Amino acid sequence: MWLFGWKLPSRTLDLVKLKLDLHDIYNNSREIDRALRGVIQEAVRIKATQVEIIPGKGSGQLKKKVLRFLEQKEIKALYHRIDKDAKNHGRLFVYFQWK
């Protein structure tokens, strides 16, 4: 099920994953920030282990915007690490660790 551009969690062996596809809002900066902030807040709320963000391949400007957003001090404090997909450069993974 999709809500505000991001997919609601799927549970597999206690792994909770969220997915955010930015294809539909690629040209709306305010909406991109709102979607990114929303998916990160939801991940924290439900203690998700992973968020998959799909900025798409394109020229890379949207991916750079997403990375800049994730590097903000208050956002960076919420997650453990970021991985860029080696096979698909239009996709990022944000991992969370919960104690």
C-alpha atoms as a PDB file:
ATOM      1  CA  MET A   1       0.000   0.000   0.000  1.00  0.00           C
ATOM      2  CA  TRP A   2       1.321   3.463  -0.900  1.00  0.00           C
ATOM      3  CA  LEU A   3       0.760   6.561   1.225  1.00  0.00           C
ATOM      4  CA  PHE A   4       2.090  10.033   0.328  1.00  0.00           C
ATOM      5  CA  GLY A   5       4.508   8.526  -2.193  1.00  0.00           C
ATOM      6  CA  TRP A   6       6.063   5.976   0.142  1.00  0.00           C
ATOM      7  CA  LYS A   7       5.203   2.360   0.647  1.00  0.00           C
ATOM      8  CA  LEU A   8       3.916   1.182   3.999  1.00  0.00           C
ATOM      9  CA  PRO A   9       6.151  -1.345   5.784  1.00  0.00           C
ATOM     10  CA  SER A  10       6.427  -4.995   4.961  1.00  0.00           C
ATOM     11  CA  ARG A  11       7.543  -7.253   7.807  1.00  0.00           C
ATOM     12  CA  THR A  12       9.915 -10.122   7.087  1.00  0.00           C
ATOM     13  CA  LEU A  13      11.615 -11.861  10.008  1.00  0.00           C
ATOM     14  CA  ASP A  14      11.326  -8.729  12.176  1.00  0.00           C
ATOM     15  CA  LEU A  15      12.831  -6.574   9.411  1.00  0.00           C
ATOM     16  CA  VAL A  16      10.730  -3.538   8.675  1.00  0.00           C
ATOM     17  CA  LYS A  17      11.452  -1.813   5.392  1.00  0.00           C
ATOM     18  CA  LEU A  18      10.010   1.374   3.918  1.00  0.00           C
ATOM     19  CA  LYS A  19      10.268   2.467   0.322  1.00  0.00           C
ATOM     20  CA  LEU A  20      10.104   6.005  -1.097  1.00  0.00           C
ATOM     21  CA  ASP A  21       9.895   6.549  -4.854  1.00  0.00           C
ATOM     22  CA  LEU A  22      10.538  10.166  -5.844  1.00  0.00           C
ATOM     23  CA  HIS A  23       9.742   9.776  -9.568  1.00  0.00           C
ATOM     24  CA  ASP A  24       6.329  11.468  -9.288  1.00  0.00           C
ATOM     25  CA  ILE A  25       7.581  14.538  -7.418  1.00  0.00           C
ATOM     26  CA  TYR A  26      11.059  14.975  -8.924  1.00  0.00           C
ATOM     27  CA  ASN A  27      10.448  18.641  -9.860  1.00  0.00           C
ATOM     28  CA  ASN A  28       8.797  19.821  -6.625  1.00  0.00           C
ATOM     29  CA  SER A  29      11.490  20.651  -4.063  1.00  0.00           C
ATOM     30  CA  ARG A  30       9.083  21.316  -1.192  1.00  0.00           C
ATOM     31  CA  GLU A  31       7.241  18.043  -1.799  1.00  0.00           C
ATOM     32  CA  ILE A  32      10.544  16.110  -1.963  1.00  0.00           C
ATOM     33  CA  ASP A  33      11.621  17.505   1.415  1.00  0.00           C
ATOM     34  CA  ARG A  34       8.216  16.693   2.898  1.00  0.00           C
ATOM     35  CA  ALA A  35       8.319  13.117   1.570  1.00  0.00           C
ATOM     36  CA  LEU A  36      11.899  12.532   2.788  1.00  0.00           C
ATOM     37  CA  ARG A  37      11.162  13.957   6.228  1.00  0.00           C
ATOM     38  CA  GLY A  38       7.944  11.903   6.409  1.00  0.00           C
ATOM     39  CA  VAL A  39       9.557   8.589   5.524  1.00  0.00           C
ATOM     40  CA  ILE A  40      12.423   9.144   7.994  1.00  0.00           C
ATOM     41  CA  GLN A  41       9.955  10.085  10.763  1.00  0.00           C
ATOM     42  CA  GLU A  42       7.848   7.022   9.975  1.00  0.00           C
ATOM     43  CA  ALA A  43      10.945   4.794  10.052  1.00  0.00           C
ATOM     44  CA  VAL A  44      11.827   6.142  13.501  1.00  0.00           C
ATOM     45  CA  ARG A  45       8.233   5.786  14.708  1.00  0.00           C
ATOM     46  CA  ILE A  46       7.900   2.119  13.700  1.00  0.00           C
ATOM     47  CA  LYS A  47      11.586   1.312  14.268  1.00  0.00           C
ATOM     48  CA  ALA A  48      12.190   0.310  10.654  1.00  0.00           C
ATOM     49  CA  THR A  49      15.526  -1.300   9.847  1.00  0.00           C
ATOM     50  CA  GLN A  50      15.800   0.028   6.303  1.00  0.00           C
ATOM     51  CA  VAL A  51      14.434   2.760   4.035  1.00  0.00           C
ATOM     52  CA  GLU A  52      14.886   2.418   0.275  1.00  0.00           C
ATOM     53  CA  ILE A  53      14.860   5.773  -1.516  1.00  0.00           C
ATOM     54  CA  ILE A  54      14.529   5.804  -5.298  1.00  0.00           C
ATOM     55  CA  PRO A  55      15.508   9.169  -6.789  1.00  0.00           C
ATOM     56  CA  GLY A  56      15.946   7.569 -10.214  1.00  0.00           C
ATOM     57  CA  LYS A  57      18.914   7.591 -12.557  1.00  0.00           C
ATOM     58  CA  GLY A  58      18.589  10.844 -14.533  1.00  0.00           C
ATOM     59  CA  SER A  59      21.343  13.447 -14.264  1.00  0.00           C
ATOM     60  CA  GLY A  60      21.986  12.754 -10.573  1.00  0.00           C
ATOM     61  CA  GLN A  61      20.708  16.110  -9.295  1.00  0.00           C
ATOM     62  CA  LEU A  62      17.826  14.565  -7.350  1.00  0.00           C
ATOM     63  CA  LYS A  63      20.144  11.971  -5.794  1.00  0.00           C
ATOM     64  CA  LYS A  64      22.487  14.785  -4.709  1.00  0.00           C
ATOM     65  CA  LYS A  65      19.528  16.625  -3.163  1.00  0.00           C
ATOM     66  CA  VAL A  66      18.519  13.478  -1.255  1.00  0.00           C
ATOM     67  CA  LEU A  67      22.086  12.980  -0.001  1.00  0.00           C
ATOM     68  CA  ARG A  68      22.283  16.624   1.116  1.00  0.00           C
ATOM     69  CA  PHE A  69      19.001  16.153   2.994  1.00  0.00           C
ATOM     70  CA  LEU A  70      20.317  13.003   4.693  1.00  0.00           C
ATOM     71  CA  GLU A  71      23.546  14.780   5.698  1.00  0.00           C
ATOM     72  CA  GLN A  72      21.679  17.416   7.747  1.00  0.00           C
ATOM     73  CA  LYS A  73      22.756  17.209  11.385  1.00  0.00           C
ATOM     74  CA  GLU A  74      19.290  16.517  12.820  1.00  0.00           C
ATOM     75  CA  ILE A  75      18.509  13.864  10.181  1.00  0.00           C
ATOM     76  CA  LYS A  76      21.921  12.187  10.319  1.00  0.00           C
ATOM     77  CA  ALA A  77      21.451  11.610  14.062  1.00  0.00           C
ATOM     78  CA  LEU A  78      18.436   9.386  13.339  1.00  0.00           C
ATOM     79  CA  TYR A  79      20.004   6.705  11.128  1.00  0.00           C
ATOM     80  CA  HIS A  80      23.038   4.403  11.233  1.00  0.00           C
ATOM     81  CA  ARG A  81      24.394   4.498   7.663  1.00  0.00           C
ATOM     82  CA  ILE A  82      23.637   5.048   3.966  1.00  0.00           C
ATOM     83  CA  ASP A  83      24.460   2.667   1.121  1.00  0.00           C
ATOM     84  CA  LYS A  84      24.352   3.444  -2.568  1.00  0.00           C
ATOM     85  CA  ASP A  85      23.189   0.451  -4.602  1.00  0.00           C
ATOM     86  CA  ALA A  86      26.180  -0.885  -6.563  1.00  0.00           C
ATOM     87  CA  LYS A  87      23.981  -2.405  -9.286  1.00  0.00           C
ATOM     88  CA  ASN A  88      21.491   0.459  -9.631  1.00  0.00           C
ATOM     89  CA  HIS A  89      22.815   4.004  -9.156  1.00  0.00           C
ATOM     90  CA  GLY A  90      19.254   5.346  -8.974  1.00  0.00           C
ATOM     91  CA  ARG A  91      18.635   3.861  -5.537  1.00  0.00           C
ATOM     92  CA  LEU A  92      19.824   4.533  -1.963  1.00  0.00           C
ATOM     93  CA  PHE A  93      19.409   2.538   1.226  1.00  0.00           C
ATOM     94  CA  VAL A  94      19.239   4.145   4.669  1.00  0.00           C
ATOM     95  CA  TYR A  95      19.825   1.742   7.561  1.00  0.00           C
ATOM     96  CA  PHE A  96      18.705   2.175  11.161  1.00  0.00           C
ATOM     97  CA  GLN A  97      19.907   0.429  14.318  1.00  0.00           C
ATOM     98  CA  TRP A  98      17.671   0.089  17.345  1.00  0.00           C
ATOM     99  CA  LYS A  99      18.718  -1.033  20.820  1.00  0.00           C
END
